[in-house]
Structures are given as structure tokens and as C-alpha cells.
C-alpha atoms as a PDB file:
ATOM      1  CA  MET A   1     -18.638   7.789 -24.657  1.00  0.00           C
ATOM      2  CA  ARG A   2     -16.743   9.952 -22.213  1.00  0.00           C
ATOM      3  CA  MET A   3     -12.934   9.635 -22.167  1.00  0.00           C
ATOM      4  CA  ASN A   4     -10.853  10.502 -19.112  1.00  0.00           C
ATOM      5  CA  GLU A   5      -7.126  11.095 -19.025  1.00  0.00           C
ATOM      6  CA  VAL A   6      -5.344   8.892 -16.504  1.00  0.00           C
ATOM      7  CA  SER A   7      -2.485  10.264 -14.407  1.00  0.00           C
ATOM      8  CA  PHE A   8       0.089   7.893 -12.920  1.00  0.00           C
ATOM      9  CA  ASP A   9       2.074  10.433 -10.839  1.00  0.00           C
ATOM     10  CA  ASP A  10       5.742   9.321 -10.738  1.00  0.00           C
ATOM     11  CA  SER A  11       5.022   5.611 -11.175  1.00  0.00           C
ATOM     12  CA  ARG A  12       5.250   4.060 -14.617  1.00  0.00           C
ATOM     13  CA  PRO A  13       2.440   2.005 -16.160  1.00  0.00           C
ATOM     14  CA  VAL A  14       2.910  -1.053 -18.323  1.00  0.00           C
ATOM     15  CA  ASP A  15       2.433   0.235 -21.878  1.00  0.00           C
ATOM     16  CA  GLY A  16       2.719  -3.147 -23.565  1.00  0.00           C
ATOM     17  CA  TYR A  17       4.292  -6.586 -23.538  1.00  0.00           C
ATOM     18  CA  GLY A  18       5.284  -9.352 -25.891  1.00  0.00           C
ATOM     19  CA  PRO A  19       7.374 -12.491 -26.020  1.00  0.00           C
ATOM     20  CA  GLY A  20      10.126 -11.942 -23.465  1.00  0.00           C
ATOM     21  CA  PHE A  21       9.685  -8.206 -22.859  1.00  0.00           C
ATOM     22  CA  PHE A  22       7.591  -5.496 -21.209  1.00  0.00           C
ATOM     23  CA  ARG A  23       7.314  -1.813 -22.158  1.00  0.00           C
ATOM     24  CA  VAL A  24       7.153   0.161 -18.914  1.00  0.00           C
ATOM     25  CA  GLY A  25       6.733   3.919 -19.077  1.00  0.00           C
ATOM     26  CA  GLY A  26       7.883   3.822 -22.698  1.00  0.00           C
ATOM     27  CA  ALA A  27      11.093   1.864 -21.991  1.00  0.00           C
ATOM     28  CA  ILE A  28      11.609  -1.735 -23.110  1.00  0.00           C
ATOM     29  CA  MET A  29      12.590  -4.150 -20.332  1.00  0.00           C
ATOM     30  CA  GLU A  30      13.545  -7.680 -21.287  1.00  0.00           C
ATOM     31  CA  GLY A  31      12.772 -10.661 -19.088  1.00  0.00           C
ATOM     32  CA  ALA A  32      10.937 -10.603 -15.769  1.00  0.00           C
ATOM     33  CA  VAL A  33      10.252  -7.226 -14.154  1.00  0.00           C
ATOM     34  CA  LEU A  34       9.560  -5.924 -10.684  1.00  0.00           C
ATOM     35  CA  LEU A  35       7.412  -2.785 -10.611  1.00  0.00           C
ATOM     36  CA  LEU A  36       7.500  -0.754  -7.420  1.00  0.00           C
ATOM     37  CA  PRO A  37       6.761   2.884  -6.562  1.00  0.00           C
ATOM     38  CA  SER A  38      10.534   3.427  -6.389  1.00  0.00           C
ATOM     39  CA  GLY A  39      10.764   2.408 -10.046  1.00  0.00           C
ATOM     40  CA  PRO A  40      10.876  -0.600 -12.335  1.00  0.00           C
ATOM     41  CA  ARG A  41      13.780  -3.032 -12.299  1.00  0.00           C
ATOM     42  CA  THR A  42      14.644  -6.434 -13.645  1.00  0.00           C
ATOM     43  CA  TRP A  43      13.540  -9.362 -11.523  1.00  0.00           C
ATOM     44  CA  GLY A  44      15.239 -12.732 -11.214  1.00  0.00           C
ATOM     45  CA  GLY A  45      12.027 -14.693 -10.750  1.00  0.00           C
ATOM     46  CA  TYR A  46      10.560 -16.469  -7.760  1.00  0.00           C
ATOM     47  CA  GLY A  47      13.898 -16.906  -5.975  1.00  0.00           C
ATOM     48  CA  ASP A  48      14.800 -13.199  -6.199  1.00  0.00           C
ATOM     49  CA  THR A  49      13.219 -11.864  -3.012  1.00  0.00           C
ATOM     50  CA  GLY A  50      15.843  -9.376  -1.775  1.00  0.00           C
ATOM     51  CA  THR A  51      14.594  -6.151  -3.350  1.00  0.00           C
ATOM     52  CA  LEU A  52      10.998  -7.233  -2.974  1.00  0.00           C
ATOM     53  CA  LEU A  53      11.325  -7.677   0.783  1.00  0.00           C
ATOM     54  CA  GLU A  54      13.475  -4.546   1.215  1.00  0.00           C
ATOM     55  CA  ARG A  55      10.767  -2.452  -0.473  1.00  0.00           C
ATOM     56  CA  ALA A  56       7.731  -4.186   1.030  1.00  0.00           C
ATOM     57  CA  GLY A  57       6.846  -1.056   3.010  1.00  0.00           C
ATOM     58  CA  GLU A  58       6.133   0.793  -0.256  1.00  0.00           C
ATOM     59  CA  ILE A  59       3.178  -1.388  -1.237  1.00  0.00           C
ATOM     60  CA  ASP A  60       0.008  -2.906   0.185  1.00  0.00           C
ATOM     61  CA  VAL A  61      -0.478  -5.548  -2.491  1.00  0.00           C
ATOM     62  CA  LEU A  62       1.837  -7.378  -4.881  1.00  0.00           C
ATOM     63  CA  LEU A  63       0.475  -8.726  -8.150  1.00  0.00           C
ATOM     64  CA  VAL A  64       2.435 -11.759  -9.307  1.00  0.00           C
ATOM     65  CA  GLY A  65       2.219 -12.425 -13.037  1.00  0.00           C
ATOM     66  CA  THR A  66       3.039 -16.089 -13.688  1.00  0.00           C
ATOM     67  CA  GLY A  67       3.562 -15.874 -17.456  1.00  0.00           C
ATOM     68  CA  PRO A  68       1.037 -16.551 -20.205  1.00  0.00           C
ATOM     69  CA  GLU A  69      -1.248 -18.568 -17.905  1.00  0.00           C
ATOM     70  CA  ILE A  70      -2.069 -18.511 -14.217  1.00  0.00           C
ATOM     71  CA  ALA A  71       0.013 -20.894 -12.117  1.00  0.00           C
ATOM     72  CA  HIS A  72       0.801 -21.448  -8.456  1.00  0.00           C
ATOM     73  CA  ILE A  73       3.749 -19.594  -6.990  1.00  0.00           C
ATOM     74  CA  PRO A  74       6.069 -21.332  -4.525  1.00  0.00           C
ATOM     75  CA  ALA A  75       4.509 -21.501  -1.062  1.00  0.00           C
ATOM     76  CA  SER A  76       7.751 -20.158   0.421  1.00  0.00           C
ATOM     77  CA  LEU A  77       7.512 -16.997  -1.733  1.00  0.00           C
ATOM     78  CA  ARG A  78       3.903 -16.399  -0.726  1.00  0.00           C
ATOM     79  CA  ALA A  79       4.810 -16.901   2.949  1.00  0.00           C
ATOM     80  CA  LEU A  80       7.711 -14.412   2.757  1.00  0.00           C
ATOM     81  CA  ILE A  81       5.567 -11.742   1.121  1.00  0.00           C
ATOM     82  CA  GLU A  82       2.672 -12.233   3.513  1.00  0.00           C
ATOM     83  CA  ALA A  83       5.083 -12.174   6.494  1.00  0.00           C
ATOM     84  CA  ALA A  84       6.119  -8.707   5.255  1.00  0.00           C
ATOM     85  CA  GLN A  85       2.418  -7.772   5.576  1.00  0.00           C
ATOM     86  CA  VAL A  86       1.886  -7.400   1.839  1.00  0.00           C
ATOM     87  CA  GLY A  87      -1.144  -8.948   0.153  1.00  0.00           C
ATOM     88  CA  VAL A  88      -0.420 -11.319  -2.743  1.00  0.00           C
ATOM     89  CA  GLU A  89      -2.588 -11.761  -5.829  1.00  0.00           C
ATOM     90  CA  VAL A  90      -1.496 -14.331  -8.400  1.00  0.00           C
ATOM     91  CA  MET A  91      -2.648 -14.121 -12.033  1.00  0.00           C
ATOM     92  CA  ALA A  92      -1.444 -14.541 -15.598  1.00  0.00           C
ATOM     93  CA  SER A  93       1.013 -11.808 -16.624  1.00  0.00           C
ATOM     94  CA  PRO A  94      -1.309 -10.043 -19.118  1.00  0.00           C
ATOM     95  CA  THR A  95      -3.971  -9.786 -16.406  1.00  0.00           C
ATOM     96  CA  ALA A  96      -1.382  -8.623 -13.878  1.00  0.00           C
ATOM     97  CA  CYS A  97      -0.294  -5.830 -16.239  1.00  0.00           C
ATOM     98  CA  ARG A  98      -3.852  -4.591 -16.740  1.00  0.00           C
ATOM     99  CA  THR A  99      -4.700  -4.837 -13.036  1.00  0.00           C
ATOM    100  CA  TYR A 100      -1.478  -3.047 -12.078  1.00  0.00           C
ATOM    101  CA  ASN A 101      -2.325  -0.143 -14.393  1.00  0.00           C
ATOM    102  CA  VAL A 102      -5.864   0.165 -13.018  1.00  0.00           C
ATOM    103  CA  LEU A 103      -4.734   0.122  -9.378  1.00  0.00           C
ATOM    104  CA  LEU A 104      -1.885   2.500 -10.157  1.00  0.00           C
ATOM    105  CA  SER A 105      -4.297   4.951 -11.808  1.00  0.00           C
ATOM    106  CA  GLU A 106      -6.420   4.844  -8.642  1.00  0.00           C
ATOM    107  CA  GLY A 107      -3.420   5.897  -6.567  1.00  0.00           C
ATOM    108  CA  ARG A 108      -3.118   2.543  -4.806  1.00  0.00           C
ATOM    109  CA  ARG A 109       0.115   1.313  -3.231  1.00  0.00           C
ATOM    110  CA  VAL A 110       0.627  -1.543  -5.667  1.00  0.00           C
ATOM    111  CA  GLY A 111       3.604  -3.494  -6.918  1.00  0.00           C
ATOM    112  CA  ALA A 112       3.954  -6.195  -9.544  1.00  0.00           C
ATOM    113  CA  ALA A 113       6.402  -9.025 -10.071  1.00  0.00           C
ATOM    114  CA  ILE A 114       5.809 -10.232 -13.614  1.00  0.00           C
ATOM    115  CA  LEU A 115       7.257 -13.115 -15.602  1.00  0.00           C
ATOM    116  CA  PRO A 116       7.307 -12.651 -19.392  1.00  0.00           C
ATOM    117  CA  VAL A 117       4.730 -14.172 -21.702  1.00  0.00           C
END
């Protein structure tokens, strides 16, 4: 099997996660996180749209991790994100972490808003 080294430029991949935390670029972040090209930050959940909308121009797609299982996000949140011309993909948080890392490694303009598992 051939192994390739993955480069993430300045963005930080999700290295791991567990109950109530994420490890992003080697640093532990507790609670929900928002991952953007400008850097990771804590996220207040579905109602915390300020930073997300301010930074919408940095990304083409936002992955929303809904916790341990896939769930619907509030229609108002989806509408706000789509109005900012950002695509929205909803999935369970573990899947969102993996997908974020893959898209990041491909150089895509991706963000993630992830609730803990």
C-alpha cells in the first residue's frame, strides 16, 4: 500500500474527539467548535451565528456536525447560511470531522460547526 503525507497549509485538522471535546491541530477544545480558515474557535451552538455569518466569505461549504447522530438543524440556521451563499451539509459529528479533514486536505474552502459527541 502506498502512503501519502497530507498537508493542511495553515488550517488545522481535527486530530480526535471524545465525550465533550475535540482535538484540533493538537489542541484540546471543549464543547462545540467552529472551524474556519481563520482558525478554530468555540461555538455556542445553533443560535450562535455571528462569527459564522461574518466569516461566510472564507468558505464555500459548511459541515454541521449534530452530535453523535445525524439530526435536523433549525430551518432558520440553514436559511441564514444559505442566504450567505454557503452550502450546508448536515451529518453526525464524527462524520463531519472526517469529511472536514478530507476536504481540507484537498485545499477546499470548507468550514465546520460541530457539536460534541
